[in-house]
Amino acid sequence: MPQKLDDAKATEKILLLYTQLLFSGKKYWLAELAKQFNCSKATMMRLMSTIEVSGVAEIETGIENGRRWYQLKNLPSRPHISLSQEEVEKLSLCRDLLGRLLPEGIEQVISSGIEKISGLMPHSSERASATVIRGANIVWGRIKYTETQQAYLELMLKAVSEHTIFEVAYKEEKHLFDRPNPMQYRFVPMRLTNENGSINIEGWRISDDVIPKKKYAITLALHRIITCKSTTEKFLKCPDLPEHKGAFGLVGFRPFEARVRFSEVYSSYISDRVWSEDQKIIELDGGEIELQFKASSHIGLVNWVLGFGAGAELLEPAYLREQILEEVEEMYGFYAPEED
């Protein structure tokens, strides 16, 4: 969603509002538009009236569940637009780098869409070169999504703007929760995230009350959803999810301070990347470094540190050092030579 327009003049807001309505074709709630354009609902209603009185377009409006909405009526013909070769090339690059992370069917839809929009380029001679594959995303341990999981994803994507409540059966990962039966969630999907090649759906867990209530934010991995059923219920007073605070981990968990020492072997790898927005990197003797940052997943931090072997030492929090020690002692049993 575009940023708030704090200082825009009325004419600028009208132009931006009309452009948004024209090119999206979507239905917008009055309260959301007022928040986006940083004005009152009354001011937004006047802006809508100004657009309609000008004669450039007809605006539909109505009320659903006590909330007013606006939408531009379909025009007899779409505005004439064209895309440059650079714009299509950048879209193609996004396809090449991100497509393999998505279910195969969605990847094909993206490729088909790019081929179609290349027809909007003014020079036909540039179309073929603009859609040439220029990148690749190398993913070890790529998830192979089923057609059913792709259908679940598309179903939830369509329902995000409507805040539809879903009934989801979910299989937790055993290293996190050793539960014999799938978890049952009433869930409102809000947005998608990608973590290490896994598509995650973030949203609110909803209560079973007659009048549904928000319980807490949860993150569901698409490949671990067993069944997903859309209900006829909608959670209309659904608040936005908490913003990602730039902490190492997933949304919905309280961030905590962490310190990790890395050997010289991994110092460049760690220093070249952002692990949390407020991280600090301290240079130590012998080329070693200390990373100070915020994390929000205990098991995620432990597994991450263990992945560096003897090249990393978790300094804080202390209680996770004990957990790592237990893991290392158990691993030692796998490799220790047998006694005669």
C-alpha atoms as a PDB file:
ATOM      1  CA  MET A   1       0.000   0.000   0.000  1.00  0.00           C
ATOM      2  CA  PRO A   2       1.337   3.501  -0.827  1.00  0.00           C
ATOM      3  CA  GLN A   3       2.634   5.607   2.004  1.00  0.00           C
ATOM      4  CA  LYS A   4       0.505   8.249   3.686  1.00  0.00           C
ATOM      5  CA  LEU A   5       0.350  11.543   1.857  1.00  0.00           C
ATOM      6  CA  ASP A   6       0.949  13.938   4.717  1.00  0.00           C
ATOM      7  CA  ASP A   7       1.740  17.113   2.815  1.00  0.00           C
ATOM      8  CA  ALA A   8       0.050  16.552  -0.535  1.00  0.00           C
ATOM      9  CA  LYS A   9      -2.270  19.292  -1.755  1.00  0.00           C
ATOM     10  CA  ALA A  10      -5.925  18.574  -2.508  1.00  0.00           C
ATOM     11  CA  THR A  11      -5.321  18.529  -6.271  1.00  0.00           C
ATOM     12  CA  GLU A  12      -2.432  16.093  -5.860  1.00  0.00           C
ATOM     13  CA  LYS A  13      -4.544  13.826  -3.680  1.00  0.00           C
ATOM     14  CA  ILE A  14      -7.357  13.860  -6.235  1.00  0.00           C
ATOM     15  CA  LEU A  15      -4.950  12.911  -9.026  1.00  0.00           C
ATOM     16  CA  LEU A  16      -3.327  10.121  -7.007  1.00  0.00           C
ATOM     17  CA  LEU A  17      -6.710   8.863  -5.811  1.00  0.00           C
ATOM     18  CA  TYR A  18      -8.108   8.772  -9.351  1.00  0.00           C
ATOM     19  CA  THR A  19      -4.996   6.988 -10.651  1.00  0.00           C
ATOM     20  CA  GLN A  20      -5.260   4.375  -7.908  1.00  0.00           C
ATOM     21  CA  LEU A  21      -8.941   3.735  -8.628  1.00  0.00           C
ATOM     22  CA  LEU A  22      -8.367   3.676 -12.392  1.00  0.00           C
ATOM     23  CA  PHE A  23      -5.500   1.225 -12.613  1.00  0.00           C
ATOM     24  CA  SER A  24      -6.385  -1.135  -9.767  1.00  0.00           C
ATOM     25  CA  GLY A  25     -10.097  -1.573 -10.498  1.00  0.00           C
ATOM     26  CA  LYS A  26     -10.461  -2.565  -6.840  1.00  0.00           C
ATOM     27  CA  LYS A  27     -13.068  -1.733  -4.218  1.00  0.00           C
ATOM     28  CA  TYR A  28     -11.732   0.487  -1.427  1.00  0.00           C
ATOM     29  CA  TRP A  29     -13.133   1.079   2.049  1.00  0.00           C
ATOM     30  CA  LEU A  30     -13.622   4.701   3.045  1.00  0.00           C
ATOM     31  CA  ALA A  31     -11.763   4.314   6.349  1.00  0.00           C
ATOM     32  CA  GLU A  32      -8.747   2.717   4.656  1.00  0.00           C
ATOM     33  CA  LEU A  33      -8.542   5.472   2.025  1.00  0.00           C
ATOM     34  CA  ALA A  34      -8.787   8.172   4.685  1.00  0.00           C
ATOM     35  CA  LYS A  35      -5.933   6.541   6.585  1.00  0.00           C
ATOM     36  CA  GLN A  36      -3.809   6.113   3.460  1.00  0.00           C
ATOM     37  CA  PHE A  37      -4.294   9.721   2.308  1.00  0.00           C
ATOM     38  CA  ASN A  38      -3.982  11.081   5.857  1.00  0.00           C
ATOM     39  CA  CYS A  39      -7.314  12.887   5.903  1.00  0.00           C
ATOM     40  CA  SER A  40     -10.731  12.597   7.526  1.00  0.00           C
ATOM     41  CA  LYS A  41     -13.519  10.456   6.117  1.00  0.00           C
ATOM     42  CA  ALA A  42     -15.466  13.622   5.304  1.00  0.00           C
ATOM     43  CA  THR A  43     -12.529  14.976   3.287  1.00  0.00           C
ATOM     44  CA  MET A  44     -12.194  11.706   1.408  1.00  0.00           C
ATOM     45  CA  MET A  45     -15.906  11.800   0.530  1.00  0.00           C
ATOM     46  CA  ARG A  46     -15.431  15.327  -0.859  1.00  0.00           C
ATOM     47  CA  LEU A  47     -12.484  14.142  -2.965  1.00  0.00           C
ATOM     48  CA  MET A  48     -14.637  11.361  -4.404  1.00  0.00           C
ATOM     49  CA  SER A  49     -17.412  13.844  -5.195  1.00  0.00           C
ATOM     50  CA  THR A  50     -14.920  16.133  -6.927  1.00  0.00           C
ATOM     51  CA  ILE A  51     -13.772  13.301  -9.202  1.00  0.00           C
ATOM     52  CA  GLU A  52     -17.340  12.410 -10.141  1.00  0.00           C
ATOM     53  CA  VAL A  53     -18.490  16.020 -10.660  1.00  0.00           C
ATOM     54  CA  SER A  54     -15.526  16.616 -12.973  1.00  0.00           C
ATOM     55  CA  GLY A  55     -17.037  14.117 -15.397  1.00  0.00           C
ATOM     56  CA  VAL A  56     -13.849  12.105 -15.922  1.00  0.00           C
ATOM     57  CA  ALA A  57     -15.323   8.995 -14.322  1.00  0.00           C
ATOM     58  CA  GLU A  58     -18.331   7.529 -12.553  1.00  0.00           C
ATOM     59  CA  ILE A  59     -17.785   6.224  -9.058  1.00  0.00           C
ATOM     60  CA  GLU A  60     -19.800   3.435  -7.492  1.00  0.00           C
ATOM     61  CA  THR A  61     -20.352   3.448  -3.754  1.00  0.00           C
ATOM     62  CA  GLY A  62     -22.208   1.348  -1.237  1.00  0.00           C
ATOM     63  CA  ILE A  63     -22.298   0.141   2.343  1.00  0.00           C
ATOM     64  CA  GLU A  64     -21.426  -3.374   3.520  1.00  0.00           C
ATOM     65  CA  ASN A  65     -21.597  -4.343   7.183  1.00  0.00           C
ATOM     66  CA  GLY A  66     -21.742  -0.697   8.154  1.00  0.00           C
ATOM     67  CA  ARG A  67     -18.665   0.278   6.122  1.00  0.00           C
ATOM     68  CA  ARG A  68     -18.763   2.504   3.032  1.00  0.00           C
ATOM     69  CA  TRP A  69     -16.811   1.521  -0.062  1.00  0.00           C
ATOM     70  CA  TYR A  70     -15.885   3.165  -3.377  1.00  0.00           C
ATOM     71  CA  GLN A  71     -14.977   1.745  -6.768  1.00  0.00           C
ATOM     72  CA  LEU A  72     -14.525   3.202 -10.228  1.00  0.00           C
ATOM     73  CA  LYS A  73     -17.112   1.996 -12.740  1.00  0.00           C
ATOM     74  CA  ASN A  74     -15.704  -0.014 -15.623  1.00  0.00           C
ATOM     75  CA  LEU A  75     -14.613   2.218 -18.465  1.00  0.00           C
ATOM     76  CA  PRO A  76     -15.628   1.393 -22.060  1.00  0.00           C
ATOM     77  CA  SER A  77     -11.928   1.179 -22.944  1.00  0.00           C
ATOM     78  CA  ARG A  78      -8.756   0.909 -20.930  1.00  0.00           C
ATOM     79  CA  PRO A  79      -6.246   3.766 -20.955  1.00  0.00           C
ATOM     80  CA  HIS A  80      -3.446   3.373 -23.482  1.00  0.00           C
ATOM     81  CA  ILE A  81      -0.240   2.446 -21.682  1.00  0.00           C
ATOM     82  CA  SER A  82       3.058   0.956 -22.762  1.00  0.00           C
ATOM     83  CA  LEU A  83       5.961  -0.675 -20.981  1.00  0.00           C
ATOM     84  CA  SER A  84       9.612  -0.066 -21.700  1.00  0.00           C
ATOM     85  CA  GLN A  85      12.114  -2.817 -22.383  1.00  0.00           C
ATOM     86  CA  GLU A  86      13.812  -2.117 -19.049  1.00  0.00           C
ATOM     87  CA  GLU A  87      10.534  -2.520 -17.125  1.00  0.00           C
ATOM     88  CA  VAL A  88       9.774  -5.885 -18.736  1.00  0.00           C
ATOM     89  CA  GLU A  89      13.369  -7.032 -18.206  1.00  0.00           C
ATOM     90  CA  LYS A  90      13.127  -6.265 -14.482  1.00  0.00           C
ATOM     91  CA  LEU A  91       9.824  -8.159 -14.214  1.00  0.00           C
ATOM     92  CA  SER A  92      11.427 -11.106 -16.010  1.00  0.00           C
ATOM     93  CA  LEU A  93      14.337 -10.993 -13.579  1.00  0.00           C
ATOM     94  CA  CYS A  94      11.903 -11.183 -10.644  1.00  0.00           C
ATOM     95  CA  ARG A  95      10.390 -14.257 -12.294  1.00  0.00           C
ATOM     96  CA  ASP A  96      13.812 -15.873 -12.680  1.00  0.00           C
ATOM     97  CA  LEU A  97      14.952 -15.180  -9.112  1.00  0.00           C
ATOM     98  CA  LEU A  98      11.692 -15.825  -7.260  1.00  0.00           C
ATOM     99  CA  GLY A  99       9.670 -18.144  -9.474  1.00  0.00           C
ATOM    100  CA  ARG A 100      11.227 -21.381  -8.227  1.00  0.00           C
ATOM    101  CA  LEU A 101      10.216 -20.551  -4.668  1.00  0.00           C
ATOM    102  CA  LEU A 102       6.537 -20.702  -5.652  1.00  0.00           C
ATOM    103  CA  PRO A 103       4.332 -23.659  -6.562  1.00  0.00           C
ATOM    104  CA  GLU A 104       4.925 -24.709 -10.167  1.00  0.00           C
ATOM    105  CA  GLY A 105       1.456 -23.661 -11.312  1.00  0.00           C
ATOM    106  CA  ILE A 106       1.892 -20.113 -10.020  1.00  0.00           C
ATOM    107  CA  GLU A 107       5.349 -19.916 -11.605  1.00  0.00           C
ATOM    108  CA  GLN A 108       3.746 -20.777 -14.958  1.00  0.00           C
ATOM    109  CA  VAL A 109       1.087 -18.093 -14.487  1.00  0.00           C
ATOM    110  CA  ILE A 110       3.824 -15.524 -13.844  1.00  0.00           C
ATOM    111  CA  SER A 111       5.692 -16.520 -17.009  1.00  0.00           C
ATOM    112  CA  SER A 112       2.499 -16.394 -19.049  1.00  0.00           C
ATOM    113  CA  GLY A 113       1.638 -12.975 -17.645  1.00  0.00           C
ATOM    114  CA  ILE A 114       5.048 -11.557 -18.524  1.00  0.00           C
ATOM    115  CA  GLU A 115       4.712 -12.840 -22.077  1.00  0.00           C
ATOM    116  CA  LYS A 116       1.353 -11.086 -22.355  1.00  0.00           C
ATOM    117  CA  ILE A 117       2.450  -7.751 -20.928  1.00  0.00           C
ATOM    118  CA  SER A 118       5.452  -7.744 -23.247  1.00  0.00           C
ATOM    119  CA  GLY A 119       2.824  -7.064 -25.911  1.00  0.00           C
ATOM    120  CA  LEU A 120       2.441  -3.594 -24.366  1.00  0.00           C
ATOM    121  CA  MET A 121       5.966  -2.708 -25.424  1.00  0.00           C
ATOM    122  CA  PRO A 122       5.924  -0.132 -28.236  1.00  0.00           C
ATOM    123  CA  HIS A 123       8.631  -1.859 -30.302  1.00  0.00           C
ATOM    124  CA  SER A 124       7.966  -5.482 -31.204  1.00  0.00           C
ATOM    125  CA  SER A 125      11.661  -6.046 -31.975  1.00  0.00           C
ATOM    126  CA  GLU A 126      12.482  -5.642 -28.254  1.00  0.00           C
ATOM    127  CA  ARG A 127       9.890  -8.084 -26.910  1.00  0.00           C
ATOM    128  CA  ALA A 128      11.854 -11.314 -27.316  1.00  0.00           C
ATOM    129  CA  SER A 129      15.028  -9.994 -25.690  1.00  0.00           C
ATOM    130  CA  ALA A 130      13.084  -8.440 -22.788  1.00  0.00           C
ATOM    131  CA  THR A 131      11.695 -11.810 -21.659  1.00  0.00           C
ATOM    132  CA  VAL A 132      14.920 -13.817 -21.991  1.00  0.00           C
ATOM    133  CA  ILE A 133      15.910 -15.706 -18.831  1.00  0.00           C
ATOM    134  CA  ARG A 134      18.681 -13.725 -17.135  1.00  0.00           C
ATOM    135  CA  GLY A 135      18.813 -15.193 -13.650  1.00  0.00           C
ATOM    136  CA  ALA A 136      18.412 -18.310 -11.565  1.00  0.00           C
ATOM    137  CA  ASN A 137      17.595 -19.005  -7.939  1.00  0.00           C
ATOM    138  CA  ILE A 138      19.636 -21.912  -6.592  1.00  0.00           C
ATOM    139  CA  VAL A 139      17.745 -23.418  -3.666  1.00  0.00           C
ATOM    140  CA  TRP A 140      19.032 -26.429  -1.752  1.00  0.00           C
ATOM    141  CA  GLY A 141      16.187 -28.343  -0.175  1.00  0.00           C
ATOM    142  CA  ARG A 142      13.544 -26.718  -2.344  1.00  0.00           C
ATOM    143  CA  ILE A 143       9.990 -27.531  -1.281  1.00  0.00           C
ATOM    144  CA  LYS A 144       7.872 -29.324  -3.880  1.00  0.00           C
ATOM    145  CA  TYR A 145       4.357 -28.022  -3.376  1.00  0.00           C
ATOM    146  CA  THR A 146       1.401 -30.157  -4.347  1.00  0.00           C
ATOM    147  CA  GLU A 147      -1.468 -28.955  -6.507  1.00  0.00           C
ATOM    148  CA  THR A 148      -3.653 -29.022  -3.399  1.00  0.00           C
ATOM    149  CA  GLN A 149      -1.265 -26.745  -1.518  1.00  0.00           C
ATOM    150  CA  GLN A 150      -1.189 -24.381  -4.487  1.00  0.00           C
ATOM    151  CA  ALA A 151      -4.994 -24.293  -4.412  1.00  0.00           C
ATOM    152  CA  TYR A 152      -4.880 -23.475  -0.679  1.00  0.00           C
ATOM    153  CA  LEU A 153      -2.451 -20.632  -1.357  1.00  0.00           C
ATOM    154  CA  GLU A 154      -4.578 -19.112  -4.113  1.00  0.00           C
ATOM    155  CA  LEU A 155      -7.696 -19.455  -1.974  1.00  0.00           C
ATOM    156  CA  MET A 156      -6.073 -17.575   0.896  1.00  0.00           C
ATOM    157  CA  LEU A 157      -4.596 -14.904  -1.357  1.00  0.00           C
ATOM    158  CA  LYS A 158      -8.027 -14.058  -2.725  1.00  0.00           C
ATOM    159  CA  ALA A 159      -9.425 -13.873   0.812  1.00  0.00           C
ATOM    160  CA  VAL A 160      -6.747 -11.581   2.288  1.00  0.00           C
ATOM    161  CA  SER A 161      -8.578  -8.350   1.464  1.00  0.00           C
ATOM    162  CA  GLU A 162     -11.902  -9.776   2.680  1.00  0.00           C
ATOM    163  CA  HIS A 163     -10.539 -11.114   6.003  1.00  0.00           C
ATOM    164  CA  THR A 164     -12.236 -14.473   5.521  1.00  0.00           C
ATOM    165  CA  ILE A 165     -11.915 -16.969   8.380  1.00  0.00           C
ATOM    166  CA  PHE A 166     -10.455 -20.380   7.452  1.00  0.00           C
ATOM    167  CA  GLU A 167     -10.482 -23.676   9.288  1.00  0.00           C
ATOM    168  CA  VAL A 168      -6.988 -25.124   8.985  1.00  0.00           C
ATOM    169  CA  ALA A 169      -5.541 -28.482  10.009  1.00  0.00           C
ATOM    170  CA  TYR A 170      -1.812 -27.996  10.470  1.00  0.00           C
ATOM    171  CA  LYS A 171       1.057 -30.397  11.059  1.00  0.00           C
ATOM    172  CA  GLU A 172       3.668 -28.856  13.349  1.00  0.00           C
ATOM    173  CA  GLU A 173       7.339 -29.612  12.811  1.00  0.00           C
ATOM    174  CA  LYS A 174       8.455 -32.313  15.249  1.00  0.00           C
ATOM    175  CA  HIS A 175      11.581 -30.481  16.341  1.00  0.00           C
ATOM    176  CA  LEU A 176       9.331 -27.630  17.520  1.00  0.00           C
ATOM    177  CA  PHE A 177       6.269 -29.416  18.887  1.00  0.00           C
ATOM    178  CA  ASP A 178       6.052 -33.181  19.224  1.00  0.00           C
ATOM    179  CA  ARG A 179       2.276 -33.459  18.951  1.00  0.00           C
ATOM    180  CA  PRO A 180       0.647 -36.682  17.722  1.00  0.00           C
ATOM    181  CA  ASN A 181      -2.319 -34.978  16.041  1.00  0.00           C
ATOM    182  CA  PRO A 182      -2.552 -31.987  13.700  1.00  0.00           C
ATOM    183  CA  MET A 183      -3.406 -28.628  15.233  1.00  0.00           C
ATOM    184  CA  GLN A 184      -6.783 -27.118  14.373  1.00  0.00           C
ATOM    185  CA  TYR A 185      -6.819 -23.368  13.766  1.00  0.00           C
ATOM    186  CA  ARG A 186      -9.435 -20.780  12.921  1.00  0.00           C
ATOM    187  CA  PHE A 187      -7.230 -18.513  10.893  1.00  0.00           C
ATOM    188  CA  VAL A 188      -7.438 -15.192   9.032  1.00  0.00           C
ATOM    189  CA  PRO A 189      -4.640 -14.904   6.417  1.00  0.00           C
ATOM    190  CA  MET A 190      -3.067 -11.447   6.206  1.00  0.00           C
ATOM    191  CA  ARG A 191       0.161 -11.656   4.179  1.00  0.00           C
ATOM    192  CA  LEU A 192       2.797 -13.960   2.713  1.00  0.00           C
ATOM    193  CA  THR A 193       6.435 -14.179   3.725  1.00  0.00           C
ATOM    194  CA  ASN A 194       9.364 -16.230   2.529  1.00  0.00           C
ATOM    195  CA  GLU A 195      11.899 -17.710   4.916  1.00  0.00           C
ATOM    196  CA  ASN A 196      14.760 -19.773   3.540  1.00  0.00           C
ATOM    197  CA  GLY A 197      12.728 -20.933   0.561  1.00  0.00           C
ATOM    198  CA  SER A 198       9.571 -21.723   2.539  1.00  0.00           C
ATOM    199  CA  ILE A 199       6.332 -19.872   1.765  1.00  0.00           C
ATOM    200  CA  ASN A 200       4.703 -18.832   5.014  1.00  0.00           C
ATOM    201  CA  ILE A 201       1.255 -17.365   5.562  1.00  0.00           C
ATOM    202  CA  GLU A 202       1.003 -14.924   8.442  1.00  0.00           C
ATOM    203  CA  GLY A 203      -2.296 -14.053  10.034  1.00  0.00           C
ATOM    204  CA  TRP A 204      -4.442 -14.040  13.149  1.00  0.00           C
ATOM    205  CA  ARG A 205      -5.642 -17.040  15.087  1.00  0.00           C
ATOM    206  CA  ILE A 206      -9.332 -16.447  15.791  1.00  0.00           C
ATOM    207  CA  SER A 207     -11.428 -17.665  18.718  1.00  0.00           C
ATOM    208  CA  ASP A 208     -14.409 -20.026  18.433  1.00  0.00           C
ATOM    209  CA  ASP A 209     -16.767 -17.487  20.014  1.00  0.00           C
ATOM    210  CA  VAL A 210     -20.068 -16.563  18.382  1.00  0.00           C
ATOM    211  CA  ILE A 211     -18.519 -13.137  17.858  1.00  0.00           C
ATOM    212  CA  PRO A 212     -14.963 -14.054  16.783  1.00  0.00           C
ATOM    213  CA  LYS A 213     -12.085 -12.465  18.649  1.00  0.00           C
ATOM    214  CA  LYS A 214      -8.435 -12.092  17.731  1.00  0.00           C
ATOM    215  CA  LYS A 215      -6.205 -14.349  19.844  1.00  0.00           C
ATOM    216  CA  TYR A 216      -2.645 -13.891  18.567  1.00  0.00           C
ATOM    217  CA  ALA A 217      -0.553 -13.726  15.404  1.00  0.00           C
ATOM    218  CA  ILE A 218       0.682 -17.022  13.973  1.00  0.00           C
ATOM    219  CA  THR A 219       2.775 -18.106  11.005  1.00  0.00           C
ATOM    220  CA  LEU A 220       1.817 -21.206   9.015  1.00  0.00           C
ATOM    221  CA  ALA A 221       4.153 -22.875   6.518  1.00  0.00           C
ATOM    222  CA  LEU A 222       2.227 -23.659   3.333  1.00  0.00           C
ATOM    223  CA  HIS A 223       3.727 -27.144   2.932  1.00  0.00           C
ATOM    224  CA  ARG A 224       2.566 -28.158   6.428  1.00  0.00           C
ATOM    225  CA  ILE A 225      -1.101 -27.322   5.865  1.00  0.00           C
ATOM    226  CA  ILE A 226      -3.061 -30.584   5.712  1.00  0.00           C
ATOM    227  CA  THR A 227      -6.528 -29.203   5.020  1.00  0.00           C
ATOM    228  CA  CYS A 228      -7.813 -25.685   4.515  1.00  0.00           C
ATOM    229  CA  LYS A 229     -11.506 -24.832   4.367  1.00  0.00           C
ATOM    230  CA  SER A 230     -12.975 -21.397   3.787  1.00  0.00           C
ATOM    231  CA  THR A 231     -15.907 -20.491   6.028  1.00  0.00           C
ATOM    232  CA  THR A 232     -18.660 -17.973   5.350  1.00  0.00           C
ATOM    233  CA  GLU A 233     -17.464 -15.888   8.313  1.00  0.00           C
ATOM    234  CA  LYS A 234     -15.424 -12.711   8.008  1.00  0.00           C
ATOM    235  CA  PHE A 235     -13.405 -10.963  10.691  1.00  0.00           C
ATOM    236  CA  LEU A 236     -14.227  -7.420   9.618  1.00  0.00           C
ATOM    237  CA  LYS A 237     -12.534  -5.627  12.514  1.00  0.00           C
ATOM    238  CA  CYS A 238      -9.253  -7.320  11.746  1.00  0.00           C
ATOM    239  CA  PRO A 239      -6.240  -5.184  12.747  1.00  0.00           C
ATOM    240  CA  ASP A 240      -2.999  -5.095  10.807  1.00  0.00           C
ATOM    241  CA  LEU A 241      -0.350  -7.598  11.806  1.00  0.00           C
ATOM    242  CA  PRO A 242       2.579  -6.352  13.861  1.00  0.00           C
ATOM    243  CA  GLU A 243       5.336  -5.062  11.639  1.00  0.00           C
ATOM    244  CA  HIS A 244       8.475  -7.119  11.313  1.00  0.00           C
ATOM    245  CA  LYS A 245      10.842  -5.410  13.715  1.00  0.00           C
ATOM    246  CA  GLY A 246      13.866  -6.551  11.796  1.00  0.00           C
ATOM    247  CA  ALA A 247      14.581  -9.341  14.287  1.00  0.00           C
ATOM    248  CA  PHE A 248      16.021 -12.745  13.391  1.00  0.00           C
ATOM    249  CA  GLY A 249      12.934 -14.989  13.329  1.00  0.00           C
ATOM    250  CA  LEU A 250       9.214 -14.897  12.620  1.00  0.00           C
ATOM    251  CA  VAL A 251       6.475 -12.422  13.501  1.00  0.00           C
ATOM    252  CA  GLY A 252       4.440 -12.973  16.653  1.00  0.00           C
ATOM    253  CA  PHE A 253       7.319 -13.750  19.030  1.00  0.00           C
ATOM    254  CA  ARG A 254       8.914 -11.338  21.471  1.00  0.00           C
ATOM    255  CA  PRO A 255      12.419 -10.308  20.323  1.00  0.00           C
ATOM    256  CA  PHE A 256      15.354 -10.913  22.655  1.00  0.00           C
ATOM    257  CA  GLU A 257      19.007  -9.855  22.681  1.00  0.00           C
ATOM    258  CA  ALA A 258      21.589 -12.291  21.307  1.00  0.00           C
ATOM    259  CA  ARG A 259      25.377 -12.296  20.961  1.00  0.00           C
ATOM    260  CA  VAL A 260      27.360 -14.707  18.790  1.00  0.00           C
ATOM    261  CA  ARG A 261      31.117 -14.915  18.256  1.00  0.00           C
ATOM    262  CA  PHE A 262      32.285 -16.012  14.795  1.00  0.00           C
ATOM    263  CA  SER A 263      35.697 -17.226  13.711  1.00  0.00           C
ATOM    264  CA  GLU A 264      37.668 -15.482  10.982  1.00  0.00           C
ATOM    265  CA  VAL A 265      36.428 -18.079   8.483  1.00  0.00           C
ATOM    266  CA  TYR A 266      32.855 -16.764   8.732  1.00  0.00           C
ATOM    267  CA  SER A 267      33.547 -13.106   9.539  1.00  0.00           C
ATOM    268  CA  SER A 268      33.035 -11.870   5.966  1.00  0.00           C
ATOM    269  CA  TYR A 269      29.895 -13.945   5.473  1.00  0.00           C
ATOM    270  CA  ILE A 270      28.319 -12.506   8.631  1.00  0.00           C
ATOM    271  CA  SER A 271      29.496  -8.930   8.084  1.00  0.00           C
ATOM    272  CA  ASP A 272      28.131  -8.786   4.532  1.00  0.00           C
ATOM    273  CA  ARG A 273      24.553  -9.436   5.680  1.00  0.00           C
ATOM    274  CA  VAL A 274      21.831  -7.818   7.773  1.00  0.00           C
ATOM    275  CA  TRP A 275      20.554 -10.178  10.474  1.00  0.00           C
ATOM    276  CA  SER A 276      18.493  -7.589  12.361  1.00  0.00           C
ATOM    277  CA  GLU A 277      17.926  -3.903  11.737  1.00  0.00           C
ATOM    278  CA  ASP A 278      19.778  -2.719  14.860  1.00  0.00           C
ATOM    279  CA  GLN A 279      22.654  -5.207  14.726  1.00  0.00           C
ATOM    280  CA  LYS A 280      26.193  -4.352  15.805  1.00  0.00           C
ATOM    281  CA  ILE A 281      29.358  -6.061  14.609  1.00  0.00           C
ATOM    282  CA  ILE A 282      32.427  -5.818  16.834  1.00  0.00           C
ATOM    283  CA  GLU A 283      35.853  -6.754  15.483  1.00  0.00           C
ATOM    284  CA  LEU A 284      37.878  -9.010  17.785  1.00  0.00           C
ATOM    285  CA  ASP A 285      41.470 -10.215  17.823  1.00  0.00           C
ATOM    286  CA  GLY A 286      42.595 -12.689  15.199  1.00  0.00           C
ATOM    287  CA  GLY A 287      39.988 -11.644  12.643  1.00  0.00           C
ATOM    288  CA  GLU A 288      37.071 -12.879  14.741  1.00  0.00           C
ATOM    289  CA  ILE A 289      33.886 -10.827  15.110  1.00  0.00           C
ATOM    290  CA  GLU A 290      31.007 -10.614  17.555  1.00  0.00           C
ATOM    291  CA  LEU A 291      27.483 -10.144  16.220  1.00  0.00           C
ATOM    292  CA  GLN A 292      25.031  -8.408  18.553  1.00  0.00           C
ATOM    293  CA  PHE A 293      21.454  -8.517  17.303  1.00  0.00           C
ATOM    294  CA  LYS A 294      17.818  -9.239  18.126  1.00  0.00           C
ATOM    295  CA  ALA A 295      16.239 -12.632  17.526  1.00  0.00           C
ATOM    296  CA  SER A 296      12.667 -13.829  17.949  1.00  0.00           C
ATOM    297  CA  SER A 297      13.000 -17.600  17.605  1.00  0.00           C
ATOM    298  CA  HIS A 298      14.853 -19.702  20.176  1.00  0.00           C
ATOM    299  CA  ILE A 299      14.963 -22.892  18.133  1.00  0.00           C
ATOM    300  CA  GLY A 300      15.798 -20.909  14.998  1.00  0.00           C
ATOM    301  CA  LEU A 301      18.763 -19.232  16.690  1.00  0.00           C
ATOM    302  CA  VAL A 302      20.067 -22.518  18.137  1.00  0.00           C
ATOM    303  CA  ASN A 303      19.888 -24.315  14.791  1.00  0.00           C
ATOM    304  CA  TRP A 304      21.478 -21.369  13.001  1.00  0.00           C
ATOM    305  CA  VAL A 305      24.459 -21.234  15.372  1.00  0.00           C
ATOM    306  CA  LEU A 306      24.930 -25.017  15.232  1.00  0.00           C
ATOM    307  CA  GLY A 307      25.032 -24.774  11.445  1.00  0.00           C
ATOM    308  CA  PHE A 308      28.400 -22.991  11.678  1.00  0.00           C
ATOM    309  CA  GLY A 309      29.936 -25.837  13.672  1.00  0.00           C
ATOM    310  CA  ALA A 310      33.043 -24.819  15.609  1.00  0.00           C
ATOM    311  CA  GLY A 311      33.054 -21.509  13.726  1.00  0.00           C
ATOM    312  CA  ALA A 312      30.422 -19.935  15.991  1.00  0.00           C
ATOM    313  CA  GLU A 313      29.828 -19.656  19.725  1.00  0.00           C
ATOM    314  CA  LEU A 314      26.575 -18.387  21.209  1.00  0.00           C
ATOM    315  CA  LEU A 315      27.490 -15.993  24.026  1.00  0.00           C
ATOM    316  CA  GLU A 316      24.006 -14.841  25.014  1.00  0.00           C
ATOM    317  CA  PRO A 317      21.369 -15.697  26.079  1.00  0.00           C
ATOM    318  CA  ALA A 318      22.925 -18.053  28.606  1.00  0.00           C
ATOM    319  CA  TYR A 319      19.964 -20.430  28.790  1.00  0.00           C
ATOM    320  CA  LEU A 320      20.335 -21.234  25.093  1.00  0.00           C
ATOM    321  CA  ARG A 321      24.021 -22.053  25.609  1.00  0.00           C
ATOM    322  CA  GLU A 322      22.873 -24.942  27.791  1.00  0.00           C
ATOM    323  CA  GLN A 323      20.571 -26.148  25.028  1.00  0.00           C
ATOM    324  CA  ILE A 324      23.402 -26.033  22.489  1.00  0.00           C
ATOM    325  CA  LEU A 325      25.651 -27.957  24.881  1.00  0.00           C
ATOM    326  CA  GLU A 326      23.030 -30.713  25.140  1.00  0.00           C
ATOM    327  CA  GLU A 327      22.799 -30.883  21.339  1.00  0.00           C
ATOM    328  CA  VAL A 328      26.587 -31.051  20.935  1.00  0.00           C
ATOM    329  CA  GLU A 329      26.917 -33.801  23.542  1.00  0.00           C
ATOM    330  CA  GLU A 330      24.269 -35.847  21.757  1.00  0.00           C
ATOM    331  CA  MET A 331      25.983 -35.257  18.413  1.00  0.00           C
ATOM    332  CA  TYR A 332      29.293 -36.359  19.914  1.00  0.00           C
ATOM    333  CA  GLY A 333      27.731 -39.737  20.566  1.00  0.00           C
ATOM    334  CA  PHE A 334      27.185 -40.158  16.821  1.00  0.00           C
ATOM    335  CA  TYR A 335      30.842 -39.625  15.944  1.00  0.00           C
ATOM    336  CA  ALA A 336      32.816 -40.719  19.016  1.00  0.00           C
ATOM    337  CA  PRO A 337      34.956 -43.809  18.373  1.00  0.00           C
ATOM    338  CA  GLU A 338      33.680 -46.983  19.933  1.00  0.00           C
ATOM    339  CA  GLU A 339      35.601 -48.133  22.964  1.00  0.00           C
ATOM    340  CA  ASP A 340      37.382 -51.476  22.703  1.00  0.00           C
END
